[in-house]
N, C-alpha and C. Protein backbone atom coordinates (compact mmCIF):
# COMPACT_ATOMS: atom_id res chain seq x y z
N MET A 1 130.58 93.42 58.81
CA MET A 1 129.42 93.72 59.59
C MET A 1 128.26 94.10 58.67
N GLN A 2 127.11 93.64 59.02
CA GLN A 2 125.91 93.87 58.20
C GLN A 2 125.57 95.38 58.22
N LYS A 3 125.21 95.90 57.04
CA LYS A 3 124.92 97.34 56.96
C LYS A 3 123.49 97.66 57.32
N LYS A 4 122.50 96.81 56.94
CA LYS A 4 121.12 97.04 57.30
C LYS A 4 120.38 95.74 57.33
N THR A 5 119.16 95.76 57.86
CA THR A 5 118.36 94.58 57.94
C THR A 5 118.05 94.00 56.55
N ILE A 6 118.21 92.73 56.38
CA ILE A 6 117.97 92.10 55.09
C ILE A 6 116.51 91.93 54.89
N LYS A 7 116.02 92.41 53.78
CA LYS A 7 114.64 92.23 53.37
C LYS A 7 114.63 91.15 52.24
N THR A 8 113.93 90.05 52.52
CA THR A 8 113.94 88.93 51.61
C THR A 8 113.51 89.29 50.22
N GLU A 9 112.44 90.05 50.07
CA GLU A 9 111.96 90.41 48.73
C GLU A 9 112.98 91.28 47.98
N GLU A 10 113.73 92.07 48.69
CA GLU A 10 114.75 92.90 48.04
C GLU A 10 115.93 92.09 47.56
N ILE A 11 116.48 91.24 48.47
CA ILE A 11 117.68 90.47 48.13
C ILE A 11 117.42 89.51 47.00
N LYS A 12 116.13 89.04 46.84
CA LYS A 12 115.81 88.12 45.72
C LYS A 12 115.98 88.80 44.39
N LYS A 13 116.08 90.13 44.35
CA LYS A 13 116.15 90.84 43.05
C LYS A 13 117.54 91.48 42.85
N MET A 14 118.45 91.27 43.78
CA MET A 14 119.80 91.91 43.69
C MET A 14 120.85 90.95 43.21
N SER A 15 121.76 91.47 42.39
CA SER A 15 122.94 90.70 41.99
C SER A 15 123.77 90.52 43.29
N VAL A 16 124.71 89.60 43.24
CA VAL A 16 125.59 89.42 44.43
C VAL A 16 126.32 90.69 44.74
N THR A 17 126.72 91.46 43.72
CA THR A 17 127.45 92.75 43.97
C THR A 17 126.55 93.73 44.70
N GLN A 18 125.27 93.84 44.28
CA GLN A 18 124.32 94.74 44.91
C GLN A 18 124.01 94.30 46.32
N ALA A 19 123.89 92.97 46.57
CA ALA A 19 123.59 92.46 47.88
C ALA A 19 124.76 92.73 48.85
N ASN A 20 125.97 92.55 48.34
CA ASN A 20 127.14 92.82 49.19
C ASN A 20 127.20 94.33 49.55
N ALA A 21 126.90 95.17 48.61
CA ALA A 21 126.89 96.63 48.88
C ALA A 21 125.81 97.04 49.91
N ALA A 22 124.65 96.37 49.77
CA ALA A 22 123.53 96.72 50.65
C ALA A 22 123.63 96.12 52.05
N TYR A 23 124.12 94.85 52.12
CA TYR A 23 124.08 94.10 53.37
C TYR A 23 125.40 93.66 53.90
N GLY A 24 126.47 94.05 53.21
CA GLY A 24 127.81 93.63 53.69
C GLY A 24 128.14 92.25 53.15
N GLU A 25 129.35 91.83 53.39
CA GLU A 25 129.82 90.56 52.90
C GLU A 25 129.10 89.42 53.60
N PRO A 26 128.73 88.38 52.86
CA PRO A 26 128.12 87.20 53.50
C PRO A 26 129.11 86.50 54.41
N PHE A 27 128.61 85.81 55.45
CA PHE A 27 129.56 85.15 56.32
C PHE A 27 130.03 83.84 55.79
N GLU A 28 129.41 83.34 54.73
CA GLU A 28 129.84 82.10 54.11
C GLU A 28 129.51 82.13 52.62
N THR A 29 130.45 81.66 51.80
CA THR A 29 130.20 81.58 50.34
C THR A 29 130.76 80.26 49.83
N ASP A 30 130.27 79.84 48.66
CA ASP A 30 130.75 78.63 48.00
C ASP A 30 130.35 78.74 46.51
N ARG A 31 131.15 78.08 45.70
CA ARG A 31 130.86 78.01 44.28
C ARG A 31 130.88 76.50 43.94
N PHE A 32 129.89 76.04 43.19
CA PHE A 32 129.79 74.60 42.92
C PHE A 32 129.04 74.42 41.63
N ASN A 33 129.06 73.16 41.17
CA ASN A 33 128.35 72.80 39.90
C ASN A 33 127.31 71.77 40.24
N MET A 34 126.16 71.86 39.67
CA MET A 34 124.99 70.95 39.89
C MET A 34 125.29 69.55 39.37
N LYS A 35 126.20 69.43 38.39
CA LYS A 35 126.44 68.15 37.76
C LYS A 35 126.93 67.15 38.80
N GLY A 36 126.26 65.99 38.86
CA GLY A 36 126.69 64.94 39.74
C GLY A 36 126.03 64.98 41.09
N GLY A 37 125.14 65.97 41.32
CA GLY A 37 124.41 66.01 42.58
C GLY A 37 124.91 67.04 43.56
N VAL A 38 124.07 67.28 44.59
CA VAL A 38 124.40 68.30 45.58
C VAL A 38 124.07 67.72 46.99
N VAL A 39 124.57 68.42 47.96
CA VAL A 39 124.33 68.02 49.40
C VAL A 39 122.88 68.35 49.77
N GLU A 40 122.40 67.81 50.84
CA GLU A 40 121.02 67.93 51.31
C GLU A 40 120.60 69.37 51.36
N PHE A 41 121.45 70.24 51.86
CA PHE A 41 121.14 71.67 52.01
C PHE A 41 120.68 72.30 50.73
N ARG A 42 121.21 71.84 49.59
CA ARG A 42 120.92 72.43 48.28
C ARG A 42 119.82 71.66 47.49
N MET A 43 119.13 70.73 48.10
CA MET A 43 118.15 69.90 47.41
C MET A 43 117.06 70.72 46.71
N GLU A 44 116.65 71.86 47.26
CA GLU A 44 115.63 72.69 46.64
C GLU A 44 116.03 73.13 45.21
N LEU A 45 117.32 73.14 44.93
CA LEU A 45 117.79 73.55 43.60
C LEU A 45 117.39 72.59 42.51
N TYR A 46 116.99 71.34 42.89
CA TYR A 46 116.51 70.40 41.87
C TYR A 46 115.14 70.80 41.34
N GLU A 47 114.53 71.76 41.93
CA GLU A 47 113.29 72.34 41.40
C GLU A 47 113.57 73.23 40.20
N LEU A 48 114.83 73.68 40.10
CA LEU A 48 115.28 74.56 39.02
C LEU A 48 116.20 73.91 37.99
N PHE A 49 117.02 73.01 38.46
CA PHE A 49 118.02 72.40 37.61
C PHE A 49 118.01 70.87 37.76
N ASP A 50 118.39 70.17 36.63
CA ASP A 50 118.52 68.74 36.68
C ASP A 50 119.82 68.32 37.35
N GLU A 51 119.81 67.12 37.93
CA GLU A 51 120.99 66.63 38.61
C GLU A 51 122.24 66.60 37.74
N ASN A 52 122.06 66.29 36.50
CA ASN A 52 123.24 66.20 35.60
C ASN A 52 123.48 67.44 34.78
N GLU A 53 122.73 68.51 35.13
CA GLU A 53 122.92 69.78 34.37
C GLU A 53 124.24 70.43 34.72
N ASP A 54 125.01 70.78 33.74
CA ASP A 54 126.32 71.39 33.94
C ASP A 54 126.13 72.89 34.14
N VAL A 55 125.86 73.28 35.36
CA VAL A 55 125.61 74.74 35.66
C VAL A 55 126.38 75.09 36.96
N ASP A 56 127.15 76.16 36.82
CA ASP A 56 127.90 76.71 38.02
C ASP A 56 127.02 77.63 38.77
N LEU A 57 127.01 77.49 40.11
CA LEU A 57 126.25 78.37 40.99
C LEU A 57 127.16 78.94 42.05
N PHE A 58 126.79 80.09 42.52
CA PHE A 58 127.49 80.75 43.61
C PHE A 58 126.51 80.84 44.78
N GLU A 59 126.94 80.44 45.96
CA GLU A 59 126.08 80.46 47.15
C GLU A 59 126.60 81.42 48.16
N ALA A 60 125.78 82.28 48.68
CA ALA A 60 126.11 83.26 49.67
C ALA A 60 125.12 83.22 50.82
N THR A 61 125.64 83.22 52.05
CA THR A 61 124.78 83.15 53.26
C THR A 61 125.07 84.35 54.17
N TRP A 62 123.97 85.04 54.51
CA TRP A 62 124.01 86.15 55.44
C TRP A 62 123.23 85.83 56.71
N SER A 63 123.54 86.52 57.79
CA SER A 63 122.69 86.48 58.97
C SER A 63 121.58 87.50 58.74
N LYS A 64 120.33 86.99 58.63
CA LYS A 64 119.20 87.87 58.35
C LYS A 64 118.75 88.61 59.61
N ASP A 65 118.68 87.90 60.70
CA ASP A 65 118.31 88.51 61.97
C ASP A 65 118.88 87.62 63.12
N GLU A 66 118.43 87.83 64.31
CA GLU A 66 118.93 87.15 65.48
C GLU A 66 118.76 85.62 65.35
N ASP A 67 117.68 85.18 64.75
CA ASP A 67 117.31 83.80 64.70
C ASP A 67 117.45 83.12 63.31
N THR A 68 117.62 83.88 62.25
CA THR A 68 117.55 83.36 60.92
C THR A 68 118.68 83.76 60.03
N ASN A 69 119.13 82.79 59.23
CA ASN A 69 120.09 83.03 58.14
C ASN A 69 119.29 83.03 56.83
N ILE A 70 119.91 83.62 55.80
CA ILE A 70 119.31 83.55 54.45
C ILE A 70 120.43 83.21 53.49
N THR A 71 120.17 82.19 52.70
CA THR A 71 121.11 81.79 51.63
C THR A 71 120.53 82.15 50.30
N VAL A 72 121.34 82.71 49.42
CA VAL A 72 120.92 83.04 48.11
C VAL A 72 121.86 82.34 47.12
N TRP A 73 121.29 81.66 46.10
CA TRP A 73 122.01 81.00 45.07
C TRP A 73 122.00 81.86 43.82
N TYR A 74 123.12 82.02 43.21
CA TYR A 74 123.26 82.90 42.04
C TYR A 74 123.79 82.10 40.84
N LYS A 75 123.36 82.45 39.66
CA LYS A 75 123.90 81.94 38.40
C LYS A 75 124.43 83.06 37.60
N GLU A 76 125.56 82.84 36.97
CA GLU A 76 126.22 83.94 36.18
C GLU A 76 125.46 84.11 34.85
N SER A 77 125.22 85.40 34.59
CA SER A 77 124.61 85.81 33.31
C SER A 77 125.19 87.18 32.92
N ASN A 78 125.73 87.24 31.75
CA ASN A 78 126.36 88.50 31.22
C ASN A 78 127.35 89.06 32.24
N ASN A 79 128.24 88.19 32.72
CA ASN A 79 129.31 88.57 33.69
C ASN A 79 128.81 89.10 35.00
N GLU A 80 127.61 88.73 35.38
CA GLU A 80 127.04 89.16 36.65
C GLU A 80 126.37 87.95 37.32
N TRP A 81 126.52 87.81 38.63
CA TRP A 81 125.89 86.76 39.36
C TRP A 81 124.49 87.20 39.80
N LEU A 82 123.45 86.57 39.21
CA LEU A 82 122.04 86.97 39.50
C LEU A 82 121.34 85.90 40.28
N PRO A 83 120.45 86.26 41.20
CA PRO A 83 119.81 85.25 42.08
C PRO A 83 118.80 84.35 41.33
N VAL A 84 118.85 83.07 41.72
CA VAL A 84 117.93 82.10 41.13
C VAL A 84 117.07 81.45 42.20
N HIS A 85 117.53 81.48 43.46
CA HIS A 85 116.77 80.88 44.51
C HIS A 85 117.28 81.36 45.90
N THR A 86 116.37 81.44 46.86
CA THR A 86 116.72 81.81 48.23
C THR A 86 116.09 80.84 49.18
N MET A 87 116.73 80.73 50.35
CA MET A 87 116.19 79.92 51.43
C MET A 87 116.52 80.56 52.74
N GLU A 88 115.51 80.71 53.58
CA GLU A 88 115.74 81.16 54.96
C GLU A 88 115.75 79.95 55.84
N TRP A 89 116.63 79.96 56.84
CA TRP A 89 116.70 78.79 57.70
C TRP A 89 117.15 79.24 59.09
N GLU A 90 116.72 78.48 60.08
CA GLU A 90 116.97 78.80 61.48
C GLU A 90 118.44 78.58 61.85
N LYS A 91 119.01 79.55 62.53
CA LYS A 91 120.38 79.42 62.96
C LYS A 91 120.50 78.19 63.88
N GLY A 92 121.60 77.52 63.74
CA GLY A 92 121.84 76.30 64.57
C GLY A 92 121.38 75.04 63.91
N LEU A 93 120.62 75.14 62.86
CA LEU A 93 120.14 73.96 62.10
C LEU A 93 121.26 73.27 61.39
N GLU A 94 121.28 71.96 61.47
CA GLU A 94 122.32 71.20 60.79
C GLU A 94 121.70 70.39 59.70
N PHE A 95 122.35 70.37 58.55
CA PHE A 95 121.87 69.63 57.35
C PHE A 95 122.71 68.38 57.15
């Protein structure tokens, strides 16, 4: 269960550990590598990484409010998953 309302500007600065402590566990997570391409939902990540770049990312999605989800992508640095990109999207949207 979510602990408090998610503030976009705050979560953009939190490690995944900090975000979990502040907002509870995300309802969906995934870990993937950019190498070889990504699904449509993750296309914005090409603004940060090349298609053939060998980089592991962790994806976490929370319910931001009644109508909106927020997904945060993290890259590991010094044994900590730090945010590299966020996306808010309307619940019920299919990619």
